[in-house]
Amino acid sequence: MPICRGCKDEVDQLVAVTVAGKRLKLCEDCADRAREEAEVARESESVIQGMMGFKGRR
């Protein structure tokens, strides 16, 4: 049985997710959580850059 790198539990199937430039194999729950965290981080960075007047690309 494969083991999730996020929660360290044995699962039936792993899902490959790219988070912060790293490709991780996680269970469905951990993958959803990682996607949500990445989306929140991306949006908050955009807001901060907007407040600071940053007009370039990352």
N, C-alpha and C. Protein backbone atom coordinates (compact mmCIF):
# COMPACT_ATOMS: atom_id res chain seq x y z
N MET A 1 0.84 -1.18 0.00
CA MET A 1 0.00 0.00 0.00
C MET A 1 0.89 1.25 0.00
N PRO A 2 0.54 2.23 -0.83
CA PRO A 2 1.31 3.48 -0.83
C PRO A 2 1.05 4.30 0.43
N ILE A 3 2.03 5.11 0.80
CA ILE A 3 1.94 5.93 2.00
C ILE A 3 1.95 7.40 1.59
N CYS A 4 0.99 8.15 2.10
CA CYS A 4 0.88 9.59 1.84
C CYS A 4 2.01 10.32 2.55
N ARG A 5 2.64 11.26 1.85
CA ARG A 5 3.73 12.02 2.46
C ARG A 5 3.23 13.14 3.37
N GLY A 6 1.96 13.46 3.27
CA GLY A 6 1.40 14.52 4.11
C GLY A 6 0.97 14.02 5.47
N CYS A 7 0.15 12.97 5.48
CA CYS A 7 -0.41 12.48 6.74
C CYS A 7 0.22 11.16 7.20
N LYS A 8 1.10 10.59 6.39
CA LYS A 8 1.82 9.34 6.71
C LYS A 8 0.91 8.13 6.88
N ASP A 9 -0.29 8.17 6.28
CA ASP A 9 -1.21 7.04 6.35
C ASP A 9 -1.12 6.20 5.08
N GLU A 10 -1.47 4.94 5.20
CA GLU A 10 -1.54 4.08 4.02
C GLU A 10 -2.86 4.37 3.30
N VAL A 11 -2.78 4.54 1.98
CA VAL A 11 -3.96 4.86 1.18
C VAL A 11 -4.02 3.94 -0.03
N ASP A 12 -5.18 3.91 -0.67
CA ASP A 12 -5.33 3.08 -1.86
C ASP A 12 -4.65 3.69 -3.07
N GLN A 13 -4.74 5.03 -3.19
CA GLN A 13 -4.20 5.69 -4.37
C GLN A 13 -3.62 7.05 -3.99
N LEU A 14 -2.51 7.43 -4.63
CA LEU A 14 -1.90 8.72 -4.40
C LEU A 14 -2.15 9.63 -5.60
N VAL A 15 -2.20 10.93 -5.33
CA VAL A 15 -2.41 11.92 -6.37
C VAL A 15 -1.17 12.80 -6.43
N ALA A 16 -0.64 13.07 -7.63
CA ALA A 16 0.52 13.93 -7.78
C ALA A 16 0.06 15.38 -7.84
N VAL A 17 0.63 16.22 -6.95
CA VAL A 17 0.27 17.63 -6.86
C VAL A 17 1.55 18.45 -6.85
N THR A 18 1.54 19.58 -7.56
CA THR A 18 2.68 20.48 -7.54
C THR A 18 2.38 21.63 -6.58
N VAL A 19 3.20 21.74 -5.55
CA VAL A 19 3.03 22.78 -4.54
C VAL A 19 4.37 23.49 -4.36
N ALA A 20 4.35 24.80 -4.56
CA ALA A 20 5.56 25.63 -4.40
C ALA A 20 6.72 25.10 -5.24
N GLY A 21 6.42 24.64 -6.45
CA GLY A 21 7.45 24.15 -7.35
C GLY A 21 7.90 22.73 -7.10
N LYS A 22 7.35 22.08 -6.09
CA LYS A 22 7.72 20.70 -5.78
C LYS A 22 6.55 19.79 -6.11
N ARG A 23 6.85 18.66 -6.68
CA ARG A 23 5.82 17.68 -7.03
C ARG A 23 5.74 16.67 -5.89
N LEU A 24 4.56 16.58 -5.28
CA LEU A 24 4.34 15.69 -4.14
C LEU A 24 3.28 14.66 -4.47
N LYS A 25 3.41 13.49 -3.91
CA LYS A 25 2.39 12.46 -4.04
C LYS A 25 1.65 12.36 -2.72
N LEU A 26 0.39 12.80 -2.73
CA LEU A 26 -0.41 12.88 -1.52
C LEU A 26 -1.72 12.15 -1.71
N CYS A 27 -2.40 11.85 -0.59
CA CYS A 27 -3.74 11.28 -0.67
C CYS A 27 -4.70 12.38 -1.12
N GLU A 28 -5.92 12.03 -1.45
CA GLU A 28 -6.91 12.99 -1.95
C GLU A 28 -7.15 14.12 -0.97
N ASP A 29 -7.29 13.83 0.32
CA ASP A 29 -7.56 14.86 1.33
C ASP A 29 -6.38 15.83 1.45
N CYS A 30 -5.19 15.30 1.54
CA CYS A 30 -4.00 16.15 1.67
C CYS A 30 -3.78 16.96 0.38
N ALA A 31 -4.07 16.38 -0.77
CA ALA A 31 -3.93 17.08 -2.05
C ALA A 31 -4.89 18.26 -2.11
N ASP A 32 -6.14 18.06 -1.69
CA ASP A 32 -7.11 19.15 -1.68
C ASP A 32 -6.66 20.26 -0.74
N ARG A 33 -6.18 19.89 0.43
CA ARG A 33 -5.70 20.86 1.40
C ARG A 33 -4.51 21.64 0.86
N ALA A 34 -3.59 20.95 0.19
CA ALA A 34 -2.40 21.61 -0.37
C ALA A 34 -2.79 22.57 -1.49
N ARG A 35 -3.76 22.18 -2.33
CA ARG A 35 -4.23 23.07 -3.40
C ARG A 35 -4.87 24.32 -2.81
N GLU A 36 -5.68 24.16 -1.78
CA GLU A 36 -6.34 25.31 -1.16
C GLU A 36 -5.31 26.25 -0.53
N GLU A 37 -4.32 25.69 0.16
CA GLU A 37 -3.29 26.52 0.78
C GLU A 37 -2.48 27.27 -0.27
N ALA A 38 -2.17 26.62 -1.39
CA ALA A 38 -1.43 27.28 -2.47
C ALA A 38 -2.25 28.41 -3.08
N GLU A 39 -3.54 28.18 -3.26
CA GLU A 39 -4.42 29.21 -3.82
C GLU A 39 -4.51 30.42 -2.89
N VAL A 40 -4.66 30.18 -1.60
CA VAL A 40 -4.73 31.28 -0.63
C VAL A 40 -3.41 32.05 -0.61
N ALA A 41 -2.30 31.35 -0.66
CA ALA A 41 -0.99 32.02 -0.65
C ALA A 41 -0.82 32.87 -1.90
N ARG A 42 -1.24 32.36 -3.05
CA ARG A 42 -1.13 33.10 -4.31
C ARG A 42 -1.99 34.36 -4.27
N GLU A 43 -3.22 34.24 -3.77
CA GLU A 43 -4.11 35.39 -3.70
C GLU A 43 -3.61 36.43 -2.70
N SER A 44 -3.10 35.99 -1.56
CA SER A 44 -2.61 36.95 -0.56
C SER A 44 -1.37 37.66 -1.08
N GLU A 45 -0.52 36.97 -1.81
CA GLU A 45 0.66 37.61 -2.38
C GLU A 45 0.24 38.67 -3.39
N SER A 46 -0.79 38.37 -4.17
CA SER A 46 -1.29 39.32 -5.15
C SER A 46 -1.83 40.58 -4.47
N VAL A 47 -2.55 40.40 -3.38
CA VAL A 47 -3.10 41.54 -2.64
C VAL A 47 -1.97 42.39 -2.06
N ILE A 48 -0.98 41.77 -1.48
CA ILE A 48 0.15 42.49 -0.90
C ILE A 48 0.90 43.26 -1.97
N GLN A 49 1.13 42.63 -3.12
CA GLN A 49 1.82 43.32 -4.21
C GLN A 49 1.00 44.50 -4.71
N GLY A 50 -0.33 44.35 -4.75
CA GLY A 50 -1.19 45.45 -5.16
C GLY A 50 -1.12 46.62 -4.20
N MET A 51 -1.07 46.32 -2.90
CA MET A 51 -0.97 47.39 -1.91
C MET A 51 0.37 48.11 -2.00
N MET A 52 1.42 47.39 -2.35
CA MET A 52 2.74 47.98 -2.43
C MET A 52 3.00 48.65 -3.78
N GLY A 53 2.09 48.47 -4.72
CA GLY A 53 2.25 49.09 -6.03
C GLY A 53 3.20 48.35 -6.95
N PHE A 54 3.41 47.08 -6.72
CA PHE A 54 4.29 46.28 -7.56
C PHE A 54 3.62 46.03 -8.91
N LYS A 55 4.31 46.38 -10.00
CA LYS A 55 3.71 46.24 -11.31
C LYS A 55 4.44 45.25 -12.21
N GLY A 56 5.45 44.58 -11.72
CA GLY A 56 6.21 43.62 -12.52
C GLY A 56 5.65 42.22 -12.41
N ARG A 57 6.35 41.30 -13.01
CA ARG A 57 5.96 39.89 -12.91
C ARG A 57 6.86 39.23 -11.91
N ARG A 58 6.40 38.17 -11.37
CA ARG A 58 7.15 37.43 -10.39
C ARG A 58 8.16 36.53 -11.01
